[in-house]
Amino acid sequence: MIYNNNEVEKIDLEINQGDDHQITFNLTDDNGSLIDTSNSKFIFGASYRYSDPLAIKCDCEVVNNGEIVLRLNRDITAKLVANNSHAKYNKLYYDIQRICNGKAQRIVQGELLISPGLAFREGNK
């Protein structure tokens, strides 16, 4: 696998622990044209620290040319650490990579903030 080193857009995301979550990304090039997503696979990965193993790894779905969807269901988000003594967000670092023609290219990165869902914390799903 060849990895392309590139500067990418940073987008921070916020999700609630124990909730289903869906995020749509519209992928465009520097000219604003949609990126051809045919023959590509998109992988999402997130960890609490860069040196930690991935806490989340899943594929994104290509829904249209230039448009991908990340779906994190409650089975995944329920396992993420959100609660702490100050009821603040816990943070993971994520990126999405595009795999095409044997090359991996990071297309977006950022912080994934996990908010403790009050209903989830009380055991209601």
N, C-alpha and C. Protein backbone atom coordinates (compact mmCIF):
# COMPACT_ATOMS: atom_id res chain seq x y z
N MET A 1 0.85 -1.18 0.00
CA MET A 1 0.00 0.00 0.00
C MET A 1 0.89 1.24 0.00
N ILE A 2 0.61 2.16 -0.86
CA ILE A 2 1.33 3.43 -0.93
C ILE A 2 0.46 4.49 -0.27
N TYR A 3 1.04 5.25 0.66
CA TYR A 3 0.29 6.30 1.34
C TYR A 3 0.72 7.65 0.80
N ASN A 4 -0.25 8.42 0.35
CA ASN A 4 0.02 9.78 -0.11
C ASN A 4 0.01 10.72 1.08
N ASN A 5 1.04 11.53 1.21
CA ASN A 5 1.10 12.53 2.26
C ASN A 5 0.41 13.78 1.75
N ASN A 6 -0.62 14.22 2.44
CA ASN A 6 -1.35 15.38 1.96
C ASN A 6 -1.94 16.17 3.12
N GLU A 7 -2.12 17.45 2.89
CA GLU A 7 -2.82 18.30 3.84
C GLU A 7 -4.31 18.10 3.60
N VAL A 8 -5.07 17.93 4.67
CA VAL A 8 -6.49 17.66 4.51
C VAL A 8 -7.30 18.60 5.41
N GLU A 9 -8.57 18.68 5.10
CA GLU A 9 -9.47 19.50 5.90
C GLU A 9 -9.67 18.86 7.27
N LYS A 10 -9.72 19.70 8.30
CA LYS A 10 -9.97 19.23 9.66
C LYS A 10 -11.41 19.56 10.01
N ILE A 11 -12.18 18.53 10.34
CA ILE A 11 -13.58 18.70 10.72
C ILE A 11 -13.78 17.98 12.05
N ASP A 12 -14.14 18.73 13.09
CA ASP A 12 -14.43 18.13 14.38
C ASP A 12 -15.89 17.70 14.42
N LEU A 13 -16.14 16.52 15.00
CA LEU A 13 -17.48 15.95 15.07
C LEU A 13 -17.86 15.73 16.53
N GLU A 14 -19.16 15.76 16.82
CA GLU A 14 -19.65 15.49 18.16
C GLU A 14 -20.77 14.47 18.07
N ILE A 15 -20.68 13.43 18.90
CA ILE A 15 -21.73 12.41 18.94
C ILE A 15 -22.08 12.11 20.39
N ASN A 16 -23.28 11.58 20.60
CA ASN A 16 -23.71 11.17 21.93
C ASN A 16 -23.43 9.69 22.13
N GLN A 17 -22.92 9.36 23.30
CA GLN A 17 -22.68 7.97 23.65
C GLN A 17 -24.01 7.21 23.62
N GLY A 18 -24.01 6.05 22.98
CA GLY A 18 -25.19 5.20 22.95
C GLY A 18 -26.23 5.55 21.90
N ASP A 19 -25.97 6.56 21.06
CA ASP A 19 -26.92 6.95 20.01
C ASP A 19 -26.45 6.44 18.65
N ASP A 20 -27.41 6.23 17.74
CA ASP A 20 -27.08 6.01 16.34
C ASP A 20 -26.66 7.35 15.76
N HIS A 21 -25.66 7.32 14.88
CA HIS A 21 -25.15 8.56 14.33
C HIS A 21 -24.82 8.37 12.86
N GLN A 22 -25.17 9.34 12.04
CA GLN A 22 -24.89 9.30 10.59
C GLN A 22 -24.37 10.65 10.15
N ILE A 23 -23.26 10.64 9.40
CA ILE A 23 -22.66 11.88 8.91
C ILE A 23 -22.41 11.71 7.41
N THR A 24 -22.82 12.70 6.63
CA THR A 24 -22.58 12.69 5.19
C THR A 24 -21.45 13.65 4.86
N PHE A 25 -20.52 13.19 4.04
CA PHE A 25 -19.41 14.01 3.57
C PHE A 25 -19.54 14.18 2.07
N ASN A 26 -19.53 15.43 1.60
CA ASN A 26 -19.48 15.73 0.17
C ASN A 26 -18.03 16.02 -0.18
N LEU A 27 -17.47 15.22 -1.07
CA LEU A 27 -16.05 15.28 -1.38
C LEU A 27 -15.83 16.05 -2.67
N THR A 28 -15.08 17.15 -2.58
CA THR A 28 -14.79 17.96 -3.76
C THR A 28 -13.28 18.21 -3.85
N ASP A 29 -12.83 18.50 -5.06
CA ASP A 29 -11.42 18.83 -5.25
C ASP A 29 -11.22 20.33 -5.03
N ASP A 30 -10.01 20.82 -5.29
CA ASP A 30 -9.69 22.23 -5.06
C ASP A 30 -10.51 23.19 -5.93
N ASN A 31 -11.06 22.67 -7.03
CA ASN A 31 -11.88 23.50 -7.93
C ASN A 31 -13.37 23.44 -7.59
N GLY A 32 -13.72 22.65 -6.56
CA GLY A 32 -15.12 22.52 -6.18
C GLY A 32 -15.88 21.44 -6.93
N SER A 33 -15.18 20.68 -7.78
CA SER A 33 -15.83 19.59 -8.52
C SER A 33 -15.88 18.34 -7.65
N LEU A 34 -16.94 17.56 -7.82
CA LEU A 34 -17.07 16.32 -7.06
C LEU A 34 -15.94 15.36 -7.39
N ILE A 35 -15.41 14.70 -6.37
CA ILE A 35 -14.37 13.69 -6.57
C ILE A 35 -15.03 12.41 -7.07
N ASP A 36 -14.42 11.78 -8.06
CA ASP A 36 -14.92 10.50 -8.57
C ASP A 36 -14.69 9.43 -7.52
N THR A 37 -15.76 8.93 -6.93
CA THR A 37 -15.64 7.94 -5.86
C THR A 37 -15.80 6.51 -6.36
N SER A 38 -15.98 6.33 -7.68
CA SER A 38 -16.07 4.97 -8.20
C SER A 38 -14.71 4.29 -8.03
N ASN A 39 -14.71 3.00 -7.86
CA ASN A 39 -13.49 2.21 -7.67
C ASN A 39 -12.71 2.63 -6.43
N SER A 40 -13.37 3.22 -5.45
CA SER A 40 -12.71 3.65 -4.22
C SER A 40 -13.40 3.03 -3.02
N LYS A 41 -12.61 2.81 -1.98
CA LYS A 41 -13.12 2.36 -0.70
C LYS A 41 -12.74 3.42 0.32
N PHE A 42 -13.62 3.71 1.27
CA PHE A 42 -13.37 4.75 2.27
C PHE A 42 -13.43 4.11 3.65
N ILE A 43 -12.37 4.30 4.43
CA ILE A 43 -12.24 3.68 5.75
C ILE A 43 -12.14 4.76 6.82
N PHE A 44 -12.96 4.62 7.86
CA PHE A 44 -12.95 5.52 9.01
C PHE A 44 -12.23 4.81 10.15
N GLY A 45 -11.33 5.52 10.83
CA GLY A 45 -10.66 4.98 11.99
C GLY A 45 -10.52 6.05 13.06
N ALA A 46 -10.68 5.65 14.34
CA ALA A 46 -10.57 6.61 15.45
C ALA A 46 -9.93 5.94 16.65
N SER A 47 -9.09 6.70 17.37
CA SER A 47 -8.48 6.20 18.60
C SER A 47 -8.37 7.35 19.60
N TYR A 48 -8.23 6.98 20.89
CA TYR A 48 -8.15 7.99 21.95
C TYR A 48 -6.83 8.75 21.91
N ARG A 49 -5.76 8.06 21.55
CA ARG A 49 -4.45 8.67 21.36
C ARG A 49 -3.89 8.12 20.06
N TYR A 50 -3.03 8.89 19.44
CA TYR A 50 -2.48 8.45 18.16
C TYR A 50 -1.76 7.11 18.28
N SER A 51 -1.18 6.83 19.45
CA SER A 51 -0.42 5.60 19.64
C SER A 51 -1.29 4.42 20.07
N ASP A 52 -2.57 4.66 20.38
CA ASP A 52 -3.48 3.59 20.82
C ASP A 52 -4.01 2.79 19.63
N PRO A 53 -4.45 1.56 19.90
CA PRO A 53 -5.16 0.82 18.84
C PRO A 53 -6.48 1.53 18.52
N LEU A 54 -7.02 1.24 17.36
CA LEU A 54 -8.27 1.88 16.95
C LEU A 54 -9.42 1.46 17.85
N ALA A 55 -10.18 2.44 18.32
CA ALA A 55 -11.40 2.17 19.09
C ALA A 55 -12.57 1.93 18.13
N ILE A 56 -12.49 2.54 16.94
CA ILE A 56 -13.51 2.38 15.90
C ILE A 56 -12.79 2.20 14.57
N LYS A 57 -13.23 1.22 13.80
CA LYS A 57 -12.78 1.08 12.42
C LYS A 57 -13.96 0.56 11.63
N CYS A 58 -14.34 1.30 10.60
CA CYS A 58 -15.47 0.86 9.78
C CYS A 58 -15.37 1.49 8.39
N ASP A 59 -16.11 0.91 7.46
CA ASP A 59 -16.16 1.44 6.11
C ASP A 59 -17.23 2.53 6.02
N CYS A 60 -16.98 3.50 5.17
CA CYS A 60 -18.00 4.49 4.82
C CYS A 60 -18.68 3.99 3.55
N GLU A 61 -19.94 4.32 3.39
CA GLU A 61 -20.70 3.90 2.22
C GLU A 61 -20.70 5.01 1.18
N VAL A 62 -20.40 4.65 -0.07
CA VAL A 62 -20.51 5.61 -1.17
C VAL A 62 -21.98 5.61 -1.58
N VAL A 63 -22.65 6.76 -1.44
CA VAL A 63 -24.08 6.83 -1.77
C VAL A 63 -24.33 7.47 -3.12
N ASN A 64 -23.48 8.37 -3.53
CA ASN A 64 -23.51 9.01 -4.84
C ASN A 64 -22.08 9.36 -5.21
N ASN A 65 -21.86 9.71 -6.45
CA ASN A 65 -20.53 10.15 -6.83
C ASN A 65 -20.16 11.39 -6.02
N GLY A 66 -19.04 11.33 -5.31
CA GLY A 66 -18.59 12.45 -4.50
C GLY A 66 -19.25 12.55 -3.14
N GLU A 67 -20.05 11.56 -2.76
CA GLU A 67 -20.76 11.62 -1.47
C GLU A 67 -20.62 10.29 -0.74
N ILE A 68 -20.12 10.37 0.51
CA ILE A 68 -20.00 9.17 1.34
C ILE A 68 -20.74 9.40 2.66
N VAL A 69 -21.16 8.29 3.27
CA VAL A 69 -21.87 8.36 4.55
C VAL A 69 -21.15 7.47 5.56
N LEU A 70 -20.91 8.05 6.74
CA LEU A 70 -20.38 7.30 7.87
C LEU A 70 -21.55 7.00 8.79
N ARG A 71 -21.75 5.72 9.09
CA ARG A 71 -22.82 5.31 10.01
C ARG A 71 -22.19 4.63 11.22
N LEU A 72 -22.46 5.20 12.39
CA LEU A 72 -22.02 4.60 13.65
C LEU A 72 -23.29 4.26 14.42
N ASN A 73 -23.54 2.97 14.62
CA ASN A 73 -24.75 2.60 15.33
C ASN A 73 -24.50 2.56 16.84
N ARG A 74 -25.57 2.44 17.58
CA ARG A 74 -25.48 2.50 19.05
C ARG A 74 -24.63 1.39 19.64
N ASP A 75 -24.50 0.26 18.95
CA ASP A 75 -23.62 -0.81 19.45
C ASP A 75 -22.17 -0.34 19.51
N ILE A 76 -21.79 0.52 18.58
CA ILE A 76 -20.43 1.07 18.55
C ILE A 76 -20.30 2.23 19.53
N THR A 77 -21.23 3.19 19.48
CA THR A 77 -21.10 4.40 20.31
C THR A 77 -21.30 4.11 21.79
N ALA A 78 -22.03 3.05 22.13
CA ALA A 78 -22.23 2.70 23.54
C ALA A 78 -20.93 2.28 24.22
N LYS A 79 -19.97 1.79 23.45
CA LYS A 79 -18.70 1.32 24.00
C LYS A 79 -17.67 2.44 24.16
N LEU A 80 -17.97 3.63 23.64
CA LEU A 80 -17.01 4.73 23.71
C LEU A 80 -17.04 5.37 25.09
N VAL A 81 -15.89 5.84 25.55
CA VAL A 81 -15.78 6.44 26.87
C VAL A 81 -16.22 7.90 26.80
N ALA A 82 -17.22 8.25 27.60
CA ALA A 82 -17.70 9.63 27.61
C ALA A 82 -17.75 10.19 29.02
N ASN A 83 -18.11 9.39 29.98
CA ASN A 83 -18.30 9.91 31.34
C ASN A 83 -16.98 10.19 32.02
N ASN A 84 -16.90 11.32 32.70
CA ASN A 84 -15.78 11.61 33.58
C ASN A 84 -16.29 12.49 34.72
N SER A 85 -15.45 12.75 35.68
CA SER A 85 -15.90 13.45 36.89
C SER A 85 -16.38 14.87 36.62
N HIS A 86 -16.00 15.45 35.50
CA HIS A 86 -16.41 16.82 35.19
C HIS A 86 -17.50 16.88 34.13
N ALA A 87 -18.02 15.72 33.71
CA ALA A 87 -19.06 15.63 32.69
C ALA A 87 -18.66 16.38 31.42
N LYS A 88 -17.38 16.32 31.08
CA LYS A 88 -16.89 16.93 29.85
C LYS A 88 -16.82 15.87 28.77
N TYR A 89 -16.59 16.31 27.56
CA TYR A 89 -16.46 15.38 26.44
C TYR A 89 -15.14 14.65 26.52
N ASN A 90 -15.17 13.40 26.15
CA ASN A 90 -13.93 12.70 25.89
C ASN A 90 -13.69 12.75 24.40
N LYS A 91 -12.45 12.67 24.02
CA LYS A 91 -12.07 12.96 22.65
C LYS A 91 -11.32 11.80 22.03
N LEU A 92 -11.66 11.51 20.78
CA LEU A 92 -10.90 10.58 19.96
C LEU A 92 -10.37 11.37 18.77
N TYR A 93 -9.33 10.86 18.15
CA TYR A 93 -8.80 11.45 16.93
C TYR A 93 -9.16 10.51 15.78
N TYR A 94 -9.67 11.07 14.68
CA TYR A 94 -10.13 10.22 13.59
C TYR A 94 -9.57 10.70 12.26
N ASP A 95 -9.63 9.82 11.29
CA ASP A 95 -9.45 10.21 9.90
C ASP A 95 -10.23 9.27 9.02
N ILE A 96 -10.46 9.72 7.79
CA ILE A 96 -11.07 8.88 6.76
C ILE A 96 -10.06 8.80 5.63
N GLN A 97 -9.78 7.57 5.21
CA GLN A 97 -8.84 7.36 4.12
C GLN A 97 -9.57 6.80 2.91
N ARG A 98 -9.13 7.26 1.75
CA ARG A 98 -9.64 6.76 0.48
C ARG A 98 -8.62 5.77 -0.06
N ILE A 99 -9.07 4.55 -0.37
CA ILE A 99 -8.22 3.53 -0.96
C ILE A 99 -8.63 3.40 -2.43
N CYS A 100 -7.69 3.68 -3.34
CA CYS A 100 -7.99 3.63 -4.76
C CYS A 100 -6.71 3.26 -5.51
N ASN A 101 -6.79 2.23 -6.36
CA ASN A 101 -5.65 1.78 -7.16
C ASN A 101 -4.41 1.49 -6.32
N GLY A 102 -4.61 0.86 -5.16
CA GLY A 102 -3.49 0.48 -4.31
C GLY A 102 -2.86 1.62 -3.53
N LYS A 103 -3.49 2.79 -3.55
CA LYS A 103 -2.96 3.93 -2.81
C LYS A 103 -3.97 4.37 -1.76
N ALA A 104 -3.44 4.74 -0.58
CA ALA A 104 -4.27 5.26 0.50
C ALA A 104 -4.03 6.76 0.62
N GLN A 105 -5.11 7.51 0.69
CA GLN A 105 -5.00 8.96 0.80
C GLN A 105 -5.96 9.43 1.89
N ARG A 106 -5.43 10.13 2.88
CA ARG A 106 -6.27 10.70 3.93
C ARG A 106 -7.05 11.85 3.32
N ILE A 107 -8.39 11.85 3.52
CA ILE A 107 -9.21 12.90 2.91
C ILE A 107 -9.81 13.86 3.92
N VAL A 108 -9.94 13.43 5.17
CA VAL A 108 -10.45 14.31 6.22
C VAL A 108 -9.95 13.78 7.56
N GLN A 109 -9.78 14.68 8.52
CA GLN A 109 -9.35 14.28 9.86
C GLN A 109 -9.93 15.26 10.86
N GLY A 110 -9.86 14.89 12.13
CA GLY A 110 -10.34 15.80 13.16
C GLY A 110 -10.48 15.11 14.50
N GLU A 111 -11.19 15.78 15.39
CA GLU A 111 -11.46 15.24 16.71
C GLU A 111 -12.91 14.78 16.76
N LEU A 112 -13.13 13.66 17.43
CA LEU A 112 -14.46 13.10 17.61
C LEU A 112 -14.79 13.24 19.10
N LEU A 113 -15.70 14.14 19.43
CA LEU A 113 -16.06 14.41 20.81
C LEU A 113 -17.23 13.52 21.21
N ILE A 114 -17.09 12.82 22.34
CA ILE A 114 -18.12 11.90 22.82
C ILE A 114 -18.82 12.53 24.02
N SER A 115 -20.10 12.82 23.85
CA SER A 115 -20.89 13.42 24.91
C SER A 115 -21.65 12.33 25.65
N PRO A 116 -21.66 12.36 26.99
CA PRO A 116 -22.44 11.36 27.72
C PRO A 116 -23.92 11.62 27.53
N GLY A 117 -24.62 10.66 26.97
CA GLY A 117 -26.07 10.78 26.83
C GLY A 117 -26.73 10.49 28.16
N LEU A 118 -27.54 11.39 28.65
CA LEU A 118 -28.15 11.21 29.97
C LEU A 118 -29.05 9.99 30.02
N ALA A 119 -29.88 9.80 29.00
CA ALA A 119 -30.77 8.64 28.99
C ALA A 119 -29.96 7.35 28.94
N PHE A 120 -28.90 7.33 28.14
CA PHE A 120 -28.07 6.13 28.04
C PHE A 120 -27.41 5.84 29.37
N ARG A 121 -26.90 6.88 30.04
CA ARG A 121 -26.19 6.70 31.30
C ARG A 121 -27.11 6.10 32.36
N GLU A 122 -28.39 6.37 32.28
CA GLU A 122 -29.34 5.83 33.24
C GLU A 122 -29.80 4.42 32.86
N GLY A 123 -29.22 3.86 31.79
CA GLY A 123 -29.54 2.49 31.41
C GLY A 123 -30.68 2.36 30.42
N ASN A 124 -31.22 3.47 29.93
CA ASN A 124 -32.30 3.42 28.94
C ASN A 124 -31.69 3.42 27.55
N LYS A 125 -32.15 2.51 26.71
CA LYS A 125 -31.65 2.47 25.34
C LYS A 125 -32.78 2.69 24.38
